[in-house]
PDB file of N, CA and C in Angstrom:
ATOM      1  N   MET A   1     123.647 162.307 -36.109  1.00  0.00           N
ATOM      2  CA  MET A   1     124.450 163.143 -37.042  1.00  0.00           C
ATOM      3  C   MET A   1     123.460 164.051 -37.867  1.00  0.00           C
ATOM      4  N   SER A   2     123.943 165.207 -38.117  1.00  0.00           N
ATOM      5  CA  SER A   2     123.022 166.272 -39.009  1.00  0.00           C
ATOM      6  C   SER A   2     123.482 166.117 -40.497  1.00  0.00           C
ATOM      7  N   GLU A   3     122.617 166.216 -41.276  1.00  0.00           N
ATOM      8  CA  GLU A   3     122.754 165.978 -42.702  1.00  0.00           C
ATOM      9  C   GLU A   3     123.242 167.334 -43.257  1.00  0.00           C
ATOM     10  N   ARG A   4     124.164 167.157 -44.167  1.00  0.00           N
ATOM     11  CA  ARG A   4     124.690 168.577 -44.727  1.00  0.00           C
ATOM     12  C   ARG A   4     123.847 168.935 -46.058  1.00  0.00           C
ATOM     13  N   SER A   5     123.602 170.185 -46.345  1.00  0.00           N
ATOM     14  CA  SER A   5     122.873 170.407 -47.572  1.00  0.00           C
ATOM     15  C   SER A   5     123.821 170.381 -48.803  1.00  0.00           C
ATOM     16  N   PRO A   6     123.358 169.758 -49.917  1.00  0.00           N
ATOM     17  CA  PRO A   6     124.388 169.842 -50.844  1.00  0.00           C
ATOM     18  C   PRO A   6     124.475 171.057 -51.737  1.00  0.00           C
ATOM     19  N   ILE A   7     123.574 171.968 -51.526  1.00  0.00           N
ATOM     20  CA  ILE A   7     123.556 173.314 -52.287  1.00  0.00           C
ATOM     21  C   ILE A   7     124.826 174.010 -52.348  1.00  0.00           C
ATOM     22  N   PRO A   8     125.436 174.125 -51.086  1.00  0.00           N
ATOM     23  CA  PRO A   8     126.784 175.085 -51.054  1.00  0.00           C
ATOM     24  C   PRO A   8     127.786 174.331 -52.101  1.00  0.00           C
ATOM     25  N   LEU A   9     127.885 172.883 -51.900  1.00  0.00           N
ATOM     26  CA  LEU A   9     128.835 172.165 -52.532  1.00  0.00           C
ATOM     27  C   LEU A   9     128.579 172.348 -54.256  1.00  0.00           C
ATOM     28  N   ILE A  10     127.315 172.210 -54.568  1.00  0.00           N
ATOM     29  CA  ILE A  10     126.887 172.531 -55.988  1.00  0.00           C
ATOM     30  C   ILE A  10     127.373 173.921 -56.454  1.00  0.00           C
ATOM     31  N   LEU A  11     127.042 174.916 -55.679  1.00  0.00           N
ATOM     32  CA  LEU A  11     127.317 176.361 -56.001  1.00  0.00           C
ATOM     33  C   LEU A  11     128.740 176.501 -56.109  1.00  0.00           C
ATOM     34  N   THR A  12     129.478 175.886 -55.267  1.00  0.00           N
ATOM     35  CA  THR A  12     131.081 176.054 -55.159  1.00  0.00           C
ATOM     36  C   THR A  12     131.563 175.295 -56.452  1.00  0.00           C
ATOM     37  N   ALA A  13     131.036 174.206 -57.010  1.00  0.00           N
ATOM     38  CA  ALA A  13     131.523 173.415 -58.162  1.00  0.00           C
ATOM     39  C   ALA A  13     131.173 174.348 -59.406  1.00  0.00           C
ATOM     40  N   ILE A  14     130.012 174.880 -59.420  1.00  0.00           N
ATOM     41  CA  ILE A  14     129.629 175.713 -60.456  1.00  0.00           C
ATOM     42  C   ILE A  14     130.509 177.106 -60.552  1.00  0.00           C
ATOM     43  N   GLY A  15     130.721 177.682 -59.454  1.00  0.00           N
ATOM     44  CA  GLY A  15     131.485 178.794 -59.271  1.00  0.00           C
ATOM     45  C   GLY A  15     133.040 178.638 -59.761  1.00  0.00           C
ATOM     46  N   SER A  16     133.473 177.253 -59.408  1.00  0.00           N
ATOM     47  CA  SER A  16     134.900 176.880 -59.733  1.00  0.00           C
ATOM     48  C   SER A  16     134.916 176.780 -61.075  1.00  0.00           C
ATOM     49  N   VAL A  17     134.013 176.207 -61.923  1.00  0.00           N
ATOM     50  CA  VAL A  17     134.111 175.977 -63.241  1.00  0.00           C
ATOM     51  C   VAL A  17     134.081 177.256 -64.003  1.00  0.00           C
ATOM     52  N   ILE A  18     133.057 178.107 -63.729  1.00  0.00           N
ATOM     53  CA  ILE A  18     133.030 179.478 -64.258  1.00  0.00           C
ATOM     54  C   ILE A  18     134.289 180.279 -64.110  1.00  0.00           C
ATOM     55  N   GLY A  19     134.753 180.231 -62.779  1.00  0.00           N
ATOM     56  CA  GLY A  19     136.110 181.060 -62.522  1.00  0.00           C
ATOM     57  C   GLY A  19     137.221 180.386 -63.283  1.00  0.00           C
ATOM     58  N   THR A  20     137.258 179.120 -63.483  1.00  0.00           N
ATOM     59  CA  THR A  20     138.365 178.669 -64.280  1.00  0.00           C
ATOM     60  C   THR A  20     138.328 178.990 -65.723  1.00  0.00           C
ATOM     61  N   VAL A  21     137.069 178.860 -66.258  1.00  0.00           N
ATOM     62  CA  VAL A  21     136.911 179.381 -67.666  1.00  0.00           C
ATOM     63  C   VAL A  21     137.140 180.902 -67.813  1.00  0.00           C
ATOM     64  N   LEU A  22     136.930 181.665 -66.949  1.00  0.00           N
ATOM     65  CA  LEU A  22     137.266 183.050 -67.036  1.00  0.00           C
ATOM     66  C   LEU A  22     138.505 183.384 -67.059  1.00  0.00           C
ATOM     67  N   VAL A  23     139.318 182.611 -66.138  1.00  0.00           N
ATOM     68  CA  VAL A  23     140.950 182.781 -65.968  1.00  0.00           C
ATOM     69  C   VAL A  23     141.417 182.395 -67.307  1.00  0.00           C
ATOM     70  N   LEU A  24     141.026 181.177 -67.817  1.00  0.00           N
ATOM     71  CA  LEU A  24     141.592 180.606 -68.969  1.00  0.00           C
ATOM     72  C   LEU A  24     141.569 181.694 -70.235  1.00  0.00           C
ATOM     73  N   TRP A  25     140.244 182.270 -70.286  1.00  0.00           N
ATOM     74  CA  TRP A  25     139.969 183.147 -71.159  1.00  0.00           C
ATOM     75  C   TRP A  25     140.811 184.442 -71.168  1.00  0.00           C
ATOM     76  N   TYR A  26     140.945 184.914 -69.850  1.00  0.00           N
ATOM     77  CA  TYR A  26     141.607 186.116 -69.742  1.00  0.00           C
ATOM     78  C   TYR A  26     143.093 186.144 -70.045  1.00  0.00           C
ATOM     79  N   TYR A  27     143.842 184.942 -69.767  1.00  0.00           N
ATOM     80  CA  TYR A  27     145.186 184.766 -70.034  1.00  0.00           C
ATOM     81  C   TYR A  27     145.519 184.170 -71.431  1.00  0.00           C
ATOM     82  N   GLY A  28     144.407 184.002 -72.265  1.00  0.00           N
ATOM     83  CA  GLY A  28     144.439 183.517 -73.699  1.00  0.00           C
ATOM     84  C   GLY A  28     144.610 182.122 -74.026  1.00  0.00           C
ATOM     85  N   TYR A  29     144.369 181.365 -73.064  1.00  0.00           N
ATOM     86  CA  TYR A  29     144.366 179.919 -73.172  1.00  0.00           C
ATOM     87  C   TYR A  29     143.183 179.534 -73.776  1.00  0.00           C
ATOM     88  N   LEU A  30     142.075 180.187 -73.740  1.00  0.00           N
ATOM     89  CA  LEU A  30     140.826 179.860 -74.299  1.00  0.00           C
ATOM     90  C   LEU A  30     140.344 180.963 -75.200  1.00  0.00           C
ATOM     91  N   TYR A  31     139.987 180.473 -76.446  1.00  0.00           N
ATOM     92  CA  TYR A  31     139.519 181.492 -77.433  1.00  0.00           C
ATOM     93  C   TYR A  31     138.317 181.032 -77.965  1.00  0.00           C
ATOM     94  N   LEU A  32     137.533 181.947 -78.037  1.00  0.00           N
ATOM     95  CA  LEU A  32     136.058 181.536 -78.481  1.00  0.00           C
ATOM     96  C   LEU A  32     135.953 182.232 -80.054  1.00  0.00           C
ATOM     97  N   SER A  33     136.136 181.306 -81.009  1.00  0.00           N
ATOM     98  CA  SER A  33     136.353 181.748 -82.449  1.00  0.00           C
ATOM     99  C   SER A  33     134.858 182.118 -82.891  1.00  0.00           C
ATOM    100  N   ARG A  34     135.039 183.079 -83.848  1.00  0.00           N
ATOM    101  CA  ARG A  34     133.766 183.525 -84.527  1.00  0.00           C
ATOM    102  C   ARG A  34     133.795 183.011 -86.036  1.00  0.00           C
ATOM    103  N   PRO A  35     132.777 182.996 -86.541  1.00  0.00           N
ATOM    104  CA  PRO A  35     132.713 182.398 -88.068  1.00  0.00           C
ATOM    105  C   PRO A  35     133.442 183.127 -89.019  1.00  0.00           C
ATOM    106  N   GLU A  36     133.692 184.438 -88.753  1.00  0.00           N
ATOM    107  CA  GLU A  36     134.514 185.348 -89.794  1.00  0.00           C
ATOM    108  C   GLU A  36     135.965 185.078 -89.509  1.00  0.00           C
ATOM    109  N   ASP A  37     136.329 184.392 -88.350  1.00  0.00           N
ATOM    110  CA  ASP A  37     137.865 184.207 -88.168  1.00  0.00           C
ATOM    111  C   ASP A  37     138.446 182.955 -88.870  1.00  0.00           C
ATOM    112  N   ALA A  38     137.534 182.214 -89.463  1.00  0.00           N
ATOM    113  CA  ALA A  38     137.998 180.978 -90.169  1.00  0.00           C
ATOM    114  C   ALA A  38     137.743 180.999 -91.575  1.00  0.00           C
ATOM    115  N   LEU A  39     138.610 180.331 -92.322  1.00  0.00           N
ATOM    116  CA  LEU A  39     138.752 180.045 -93.737  1.00  0.00           C
ATOM    117  C   LEU A  39     138.184 178.694 -93.822  1.00  0.00           C
ATOM    118  N   LEU A  40     137.251 178.363 -94.677  1.00  0.00           N
ATOM    119  CA  LEU A  40     136.703 177.037 -94.793  1.00  0.00           C
ATOM    120  C   LEU A  40     137.646 176.176 -95.745  1.00  0.00           C
ATOM    121  N   LEU A  41     138.023 175.028 -95.362  1.00  0.00           N
ATOM    122  CA  LEU A  41     138.845 174.245 -96.361  1.00  0.00           C
ATOM    123  C   LEU A  41     138.161 173.987 -97.625  1.00  0.00           C
ATOM    124  N   ASN A  42     137.010 173.904 -97.672  1.00  0.00           N
ATOM    125  CA  ASN A  42     136.223 173.520 -98.914  1.00  0.00           C
ATOM    126  C   ASN A  42     136.173 174.696 -99.831  1.00  0.00           C
ATOM    127  N   ASP A  43     136.654 175.847 -99.407  1.00  0.00           N
ATOM    128  CA  ASP A  43     136.948 177.012-100.339  1.00  0.00           C
ATOM    129  C   ASP A  43     138.082 176.782-101.218  1.00  0.00           C
ATOM    130  N   TYR A  44     138.846 175.797-101.118  1.00  0.00           N
ATOM    131  CA  TYR A  44     139.948 175.665-101.852  1.00  0.00           C
ATOM    132  C   TYR A  44     139.850 174.378-102.645  1.00  0.00           C
ATOM    133  N   THR A  45     140.413 174.473-103.772  1.00  0.00           N
ATOM    134  CA  THR A  45     140.413 173.172-104.743  1.00  0.00           C
ATOM    135  C   THR A  45     141.825 173.013-105.281  1.00  0.00           C
ATOM    136  N   MET A  46     142.144 171.820-105.343  1.00  0.00           N
ATOM    137  CA  MET A  46     143.451 171.530-105.986  1.00  0.00           C
ATOM    138  C   MET A  46     143.335 171.250-107.355  1.00  0.00           C
ATOM    139  N   LEU A  47     144.116 171.963-108.305  1.00  0.00           N
ATOM    140  CA  LEU A  47     143.914 171.799-109.769  1.00  0.00           C
ATOM    141  C   LEU A  47     145.092 170.926-110.062  1.00  0.00           C
ATOM    142  N   LYS A  48     144.771 169.652-110.534  1.00  0.00           N
ATOM    143  CA  LYS A  48     145.897 168.594-110.936  1.00  0.00           C
ATOM    144  C   LYS A  48     146.471 169.066-112.241  1.00  0.00           C
ATOM    145  N   THR A  49     147.857 169.062-112.327  1.00  0.00           N
ATOM    146  CA  THR A  49     148.222 169.539-113.582  1.00  0.00           C
ATOM    147  C   THR A  49     148.716 168.118-114.393  1.00  0.00           C
ATOM    148  N   VAL A  50     148.420 168.182-115.546  1.00  0.00           N
ATOM    149  CA  VAL A  50     148.611 166.916-116.441  1.00  0.00           C
ATOM    150  C   VAL A  50     149.462 167.552-117.514  1.00  0.00           C
ATOM    151  N   PRO A  51     150.563 166.886-117.869  1.00  0.00           N
ATOM    152  CA  PRO A  51     151.301 167.328-119.074  1.00  0.00           C
ATOM    153  C   PRO A  51     150.635 167.325-120.350  1.00  0.00           C
ATOM    154  N   GLY A  52     150.620 168.484-121.034  1.00  0.00           N
ATOM    155  CA  GLY A  52     149.925 168.472-122.289  1.00  0.00           C
ATOM    156  C   GLY A  52     148.434 169.033-122.163  1.00  0.00           C
ATOM    157  N   GLU A  53     147.982 169.147-121.049  1.00  0.00           N
ATOM    158  CA  GLU A  53     146.589 169.636-120.884  1.00  0.00           C
ATOM    159  C   GLU A  53     146.588 171.054-120.326  1.00  0.00           C
ATOM    160  N   ASP A  54     145.676 171.822-120.702  1.00  0.00           N
ATOM    161  CA  ASP A  54     145.438 173.232-120.295  1.00  0.00           C
ATOM    162  C   ASP A  54     144.663 173.327-119.269  1.00  0.00           C
ATOM    163  N   TYR A  55     144.803 174.451-118.297  1.00  0.00           N
ATOM    164  CA  TYR A  55     143.829 174.544-117.094  1.00  0.00           C
ATOM    165  C   TYR A  55     143.761 176.141-116.951  1.00  0.00           C
ATOM    166  N   ARG A  56     142.763 176.546-116.542  1.00  0.00           N
ATOM    167  CA  ARG A  56     142.590 178.076-116.589  1.00  0.00           C
ATOM    168  C   ARG A  56     142.437 178.517-115.039  1.00  0.00           C
ATOM    169  N   VAL A  57     143.143 179.574-114.636  1.00  0.00           N
ATOM    170  CA  VAL A  57     142.884 180.108-113.325  1.00  0.00           C
ATOM    171  C   VAL A  57     142.698 181.776-113.516  1.00  0.00           C
ATOM    172  N   SER A  58     142.076 182.191-112.515  1.00  0.00           N
ATOM    173  CA  SER A  58     141.774 183.646-112.623  1.00  0.00           C
ATOM    174  C   SER A  58     143.103 184.644-112.468  1.00  0.00           C
ATOM    175  N   LEU A  59     143.119 185.655-113.223  1.00  0.00           N
ATOM    176  CA  LEU A  59     144.257 186.632-113.134  1.00  0.00           C
ATOM    177  C   LEU A  59     144.249 187.414-111.898  1.00  0.00           C
ATOM    178  N   SER A  60     143.214 187.461-111.204  1.00  0.00           N
ATOM    179  CA  SER A  60     143.132 188.425-109.944  1.00  0.00           C
ATOM    180  C   SER A  60     143.682 187.500-108.853  1.00  0.00           C
ATOM    181  N   PRO A  61     144.530 187.903-107.922  1.00  0.00           N
ATOM    182  CA  PRO A  61     145.187 187.191-107.036  1.00  0.00           C
ATOM    183  C   PRO A  61     144.134 186.835-105.674  1.00  0.00           C
ATOM    184  N   SER A  62     144.356 185.900-105.070  1.00  0.00           N
ATOM    185  CA  SER A  62     143.639 185.599-103.904  1.00  0.00           C
ATOM    186  C   SER A  62     144.000 186.394-102.619  1.00  0.00           C
ATOM    187  N   SER A  63     143.182 186.680-101.669  1.00  0.00           N
ATOM    188  CA  SER A  63     143.450 187.523-100.581  1.00  0.00           C
ATOM    189  C   SER A  63     144.353 186.747 -99.587  1.00  0.00           C
ATOM    190  N   GLN A  64     144.691 185.475 -99.757  1.00  0.00           N
ATOM    191  CA  GLN A  64     145.679 184.781 -98.850  1.00  0.00           C
ATOM    192  C   GLN A  64     146.824 184.539 -99.730  1.00  0.00           C
ATOM    193  N   VAL A  65     148.061 184.572 -98.749  1.00  0.00           N
ATOM    194  CA  VAL A  65     149.295 184.338 -99.283  1.00  0.00           C
ATOM    195  C   VAL A  65     149.820 183.244 -98.427  1.00  0.00           C
ATOM    196  N   ALA A  66     150.434 182.282 -99.053  1.00  0.00           N
ATOM    197  CA  ALA A  66     151.005 181.038 -98.502  1.00  0.00           C
ATOM    198  C   ALA A  66     152.541 181.101 -98.341  1.00  0.00           C
ATOM    199  N   GLN A  67     152.942 180.552 -97.204  1.00  0.00           N
ATOM    200  CA  GLN A  67     154.495 180.572 -96.927  1.00  0.00           C
ATOM    201  C   GLN A  67     154.787 179.300 -96.300  1.00  0.00           C
ATOM    202  N   CYS A  68     156.040 178.856 -96.636  1.00  0.00           N
ATOM    203  CA  CYS A  68     156.547 177.680 -96.031  1.00  0.00           C
ATOM    204  C   CYS A  68     157.165 177.921 -94.799  1.00  0.00           C
ATOM    205  N   ILE A  69     156.760 177.503 -93.476  1.00  0.00           N
ATOM    206  CA  ILE A  69     157.406 177.776 -92.223  1.00  0.00           C
ATOM    207  C   ILE A  69     157.610 176.479 -91.568  1.00  0.00           C
ATOM    208  N   ASP A  70     158.709 176.149 -91.400  1.00  0.00           N
ATOM    209  CA  ASP A  70     159.147 174.768 -90.590  1.00  0.00           C
ATOM    210  C   ASP A  70     158.473 173.604 -91.262  1.00  0.00           C
ATOM    211  N   GLY A  71     158.569 173.745 -92.684  1.00  0.00           N
ATOM    212  CA  GLY A  71     158.025 172.497 -93.422  1.00  0.00           C
ATOM    213  C   GLY A  71     156.654 172.396 -93.503  1.00  0.00           C
ATOM    214  N   VAL A  72     155.682 173.530 -92.984  1.00  0.00           N
ATOM    215  CA  VAL A  72     154.371 173.427 -93.178  1.00  0.00           C
ATOM    216  C   VAL A  72     153.910 174.678 -93.809  1.00  0.00           C
ATOM    217  N   LEU A  73     152.786 174.377 -94.607  1.00  0.00           N
ATOM    218  CA  LEU A  73     152.038 175.502 -95.419  1.00  0.00           C
ATOM    219  C   LEU A  73     151.344 176.237 -94.534  1.00  0.00           C
ATOM    220  N   VAL A  74     151.774 177.591 -94.400  1.00  0.00           N
ATOM    221  CA  VAL A  74     150.905 178.411 -93.492  1.00  0.00           C
ATOM    222  C   VAL A  74     150.235 179.501 -94.360  1.00  0.00           C
ATOM    223  N   LEU A  75     148.951 179.769 -94.144  1.00  0.00           N
ATOM    224  CA  LEU A  75     148.184 180.773 -94.975  1.00  0.00           C
ATOM    225  C   LEU A  75     148.102 182.095 -94.155  1.00  0.00           C
ATOM    226  N   PHE A  76     148.370 183.156 -94.736  1.00  0.00           N
ATOM    227  CA  PHE A  76     148.138 184.476 -94.193  1.00  0.00           C
ATOM    228  C   PHE A  76     147.135 185.198 -95.045  1.00  0.00           C
ATOM    229  N   ASP A  77     146.167 185.813 -94.398  1.00  0.00           N
ATOM    230  CA  ASP A  77     145.106 186.544 -95.062  1.00  0.00           C
ATOM    231  C   ASP A  77     145.410 188.164 -95.126  1.00  0.00           C
ATOM    232  N   THR A  78     145.284 188.653 -96.232  1.00  0.00           N
ATOM    233  CA  THR A  78     145.843 190.016 -96.505  1.00  0.00           C
ATOM    234  C   THR A  78     144.723 190.985 -96.173  1.00  0.00           C
ATOM    235  N   GLU A  79     143.522 190.479 -96.092  1.00  0.00           N
ATOM    236  CA  GLU A  79     142.358 191.475 -95.917  1.00  0.00           C
ATOM    237  C   GLU A  79     142.092 191.570 -94.181  1.00  0.00           C
ATOM    238  N   GLN A  80     142.051 190.363 -93.621  1.00  0.00           N
ATOM    239  CA  GLN A  80     141.876 190.488 -92.109  1.00  0.00           C
ATOM    240  C   GLN A  80     143.283 190.303 -91.507  1.00  0.00           C
ATOM    241  N   LYS A  81     143.750 191.322 -90.950  1.00  0.00           N
ATOM    242  CA  LYS A  81     144.883 191.263 -90.321  1.00  0.00           C
ATOM    243  C   LYS A  81     145.033 190.346 -89.147  1.00  0.00           C
ATOM    244  N   GLY A  82     146.174 189.614 -89.012  1.00  0.00           N
ATOM    245  CA  GLY A  82     146.102 188.678 -87.761  1.00  0.00           C
ATOM    246  C   GLY A  82     145.607 187.335 -88.116  1.00  0.00           C
ATOM    247  N   LEU A  83     144.825 187.215 -89.188  1.00  0.00           N
ATOM    248  CA  LEU A  83     144.348 185.885 -89.524  1.00  0.00           C
ATOM    249  C   LEU A  83     145.274 184.989 -90.180  1.00  0.00           C
ATOM    250  N   THR A  84     145.733 184.016 -89.577  1.00  0.00           N
ATOM    251  CA  THR A  84     146.616 183.024 -90.152  1.00  0.00           C
ATOM    252  C   THR A  84     146.104 181.629 -89.832  1.00  0.00           C
ATOM    253  N   GLY A  85     146.638 180.633 -90.557  1.00  0.00           N
ATOM    254  CA  GLY A  85     146.193 179.193 -90.421  1.00  0.00           C
ATOM    255  C   GLY A  85     147.016 178.317 -91.154  1.00  0.00           C
ATOM    256  N   VAL A  86     147.114 177.173 -90.680  1.00  0.00           N
ATOM    257  CA  VAL A  86     147.758 176.107 -91.269  1.00  0.00           C
ATOM    258  C   VAL A  86     146.730 175.341 -92.218  1.00  0.00           C
ATOM    259  N   LEU A  87     147.246 175.077 -93.475  1.00  0.00           N
ATOM    260  CA  LEU A  87     146.386 174.268 -94.381  1.00  0.00           C
ATOM    261  C   LEU A  87     146.542 172.790 -94.075  1.00  0.00           C
ATOM    262  N   VAL A  88     145.314 172.153 -93.826  1.00  0.00           N
ATOM    263  CA  VAL A  88     145.192 170.767 -93.424  1.00  0.00           C
ATOM    264  C   VAL A  88     144.242 170.112 -94.316  1.00  0.00           C
ATOM    265  N   ASP A  89     144.420 168.708 -94.367  1.00  0.00           N
ATOM    266  CA  ASP A  89     143.497 168.068 -95.192  1.00  0.00           C
ATOM    267  C   ASP A  89     142.333 167.584 -94.372  1.00  0.00           C
ATOM    268  N   LYS A  90     141.467 166.693 -94.869  1.00  0.00           N
ATOM    269  CA  LYS A  90     140.241 166.299 -94.179  1.00  0.00           C
ATOM    270  C   LYS A  90     140.367 165.512 -92.650  1.00  0.00           C
ATOM    271  N   ARG A  91     141.660 164.998 -92.669  1.00  0.00           N
ATOM    272  CA  ARG A  91     142.009 164.294 -91.416  1.00  0.00           C
ATOM    273  C   ARG A  91     142.784 165.118 -90.429  1.00  0.00           C
ATOM    274  N   LYS A  92     142.786 166.454 -90.762  1.00  0.00           N
ATOM    275  CA  LYS A  92     143.556 167.443 -89.862  1.00  0.00           C
ATOM    276  C   LYS A  92     145.083 167.291 -89.868  1.00  0.00           C
ATOM    277  N   ARG A  93     145.528 166.824 -91.087  1.00  0.00           N
ATOM    278  CA  ARG A  93     146.914 166.585 -91.143  1.00  0.00           C
ATOM    279  C   ARG A  93     147.593 167.766 -91.848  1.00  0.00           C
ATOM    280  N   ALA A  94     148.756 168.373 -91.389  1.00  0.00           N
ATOM    281  CA  ALA A  94     149.195 169.543 -91.926  1.00  0.00           C
ATOM    282  C   ALA A  94     149.620 169.262 -93.372  1.00  0.00           C
ATOM    283  N   VAL A  95     149.458 170.213 -94.230  1.00  0.00           N
ATOM    284  CA  VAL A  95     149.975 170.145 -95.644  1.00  0.00           C
ATOM    285  C   VAL A  95     151.344 170.542 -95.564  1.00  0.00           C
ATOM    286  N   ARG A  96     152.296 169.656 -95.909  1.00  0.00           N
ATOM    287  CA  ARG A  96     153.728 169.943 -96.022  1.00  0.00           C
ATOM    288  C   ARG A  96     154.178 170.793 -97.255  1.00  0.00           C
ATOM    289  N   CYS A  97     155.411 171.445 -97.111  1.00  0.00           N
ATOM    290  CA  CYS A  97     155.941 172.012 -98.198  1.00  0.00           C
ATOM    291  C   CYS A  97     157.334 171.897 -98.375  1.00  0.00           C
ATOM    292  N   MET A  98     157.724 172.089 -99.544  1.00  0.00           N
ATOM    293  CA  MET A  98     159.284 171.850 -99.822  1.00  0.00           C
ATOM    294  C   MET A  98     159.822 173.135-100.344  1.00  0.00           C
ATOM    295  N   GLY A  99     161.162 173.355-100.376  1.00  0.00           N
ATOM    296  CA  GLY A  99     161.712 174.513-100.831  1.00  0.00           C
ATOM    297  C   GLY A  99     162.212 175.249 -99.726  1.00  0.00           C
ATOM    298  N   GLN A 100     162.362 176.690-100.085  1.00  0.00           N
ATOM    299  CA  GLN A 100     162.877 177.633 -99.096  1.00  0.00           C
ATOM    300  C   GLN A 100     162.060 177.614 -97.966  1.00  0.00           C
ATOM    301  N   GLU A 101     162.648 177.529 -96.728  1.00  0.00           N
ATOM    302  CA  GLU A 101     161.951 177.703 -95.500  1.00  0.00           C
ATOM    303  C   GLU A 101     162.360 178.983 -94.960  1.00  0.00           C
ATOM    304  N   THR A 102     161.369 179.625 -94.237  1.00  0.00           N
ATOM    305  CA  THR A 102     161.558 180.803 -93.578  1.00  0.00           C
ATOM    306  C   THR A 102     161.240 180.827 -91.963  1.00  0.00           C
ATOM    307  N   SER A 103     161.876 181.658 -91.238  1.00  0.00           N
ATOM    308  CA  SER A 103     161.682 181.564 -89.889  1.00  0.00           C
ATOM    309  C   SER A 103     160.242 181.951 -89.681  1.00  0.00           C
ATOM    310  N   PRO A 104     159.647 181.614 -88.370  1.00  0.00           N
ATOM    311  CA  PRO A 104     158.382 181.977 -88.143  1.00  0.00           C
ATOM    312  C   PRO A 104     158.230 183.502 -87.813  1.00  0.00           C
ATOM    313  N   VAL A 105     159.393 184.175 -87.716  1.00  0.00           N
ATOM    314  CA  VAL A 105     159.141 185.583 -87.366  1.00  0.00           C
ATOM    315  C   VAL A 105     158.836 186.432 -88.674  1.00  0.00           C
ATOM    316  N   GLU A 106     159.356 185.979 -89.649  1.00  0.00           N
ATOM    317  CA  GLU A 106     159.020 186.692 -91.019  1.00  0.00           C
ATOM    318  C   GLU A 106     157.709 186.479 -91.440  1.00  0.00           C
ATOM    319  N   ARG A 107     157.038 187.625 -91.906  1.00  0.00           N
ATOM    320  CA  ARG A 107     155.803 187.590 -92.611  1.00  0.00           C
ATOM    321  C   ARG A 107     155.661 188.282 -93.832  1.00  0.00           C
ATOM    322  N   PRO A 108     154.696 188.057 -94.569  1.00  0.00           N
ATOM    323  CA  PRO A 108     154.727 188.636 -95.957  1.00  0.00           C
ATOM    324  C   PRO A 108     154.010 190.070 -95.703  1.00  0.00           C
TER     325      PRO A 108
END
């Protein structure tokens, strides 16, 4: 019996992985995010409101707008068009919201 060279099998496997990644990226199933595409969760702080105590906030508005969509708090960035995200806690659980819910089609 003659031994087969493993080189063609290795090259085929590498080519298949590269081809799969390229096809997934082309059709939008794979997205390579950039640092400027993300808003860090630690940029936000919750101010606890206690009856009878004052708290101060800036008069200038944030560049993010929050909206309740399907019971989840969704943030839209007004400076970087197309940048949206769901507010999550440190365990990656979505922050829920109550009140008027809007359809996912409507945006501010």
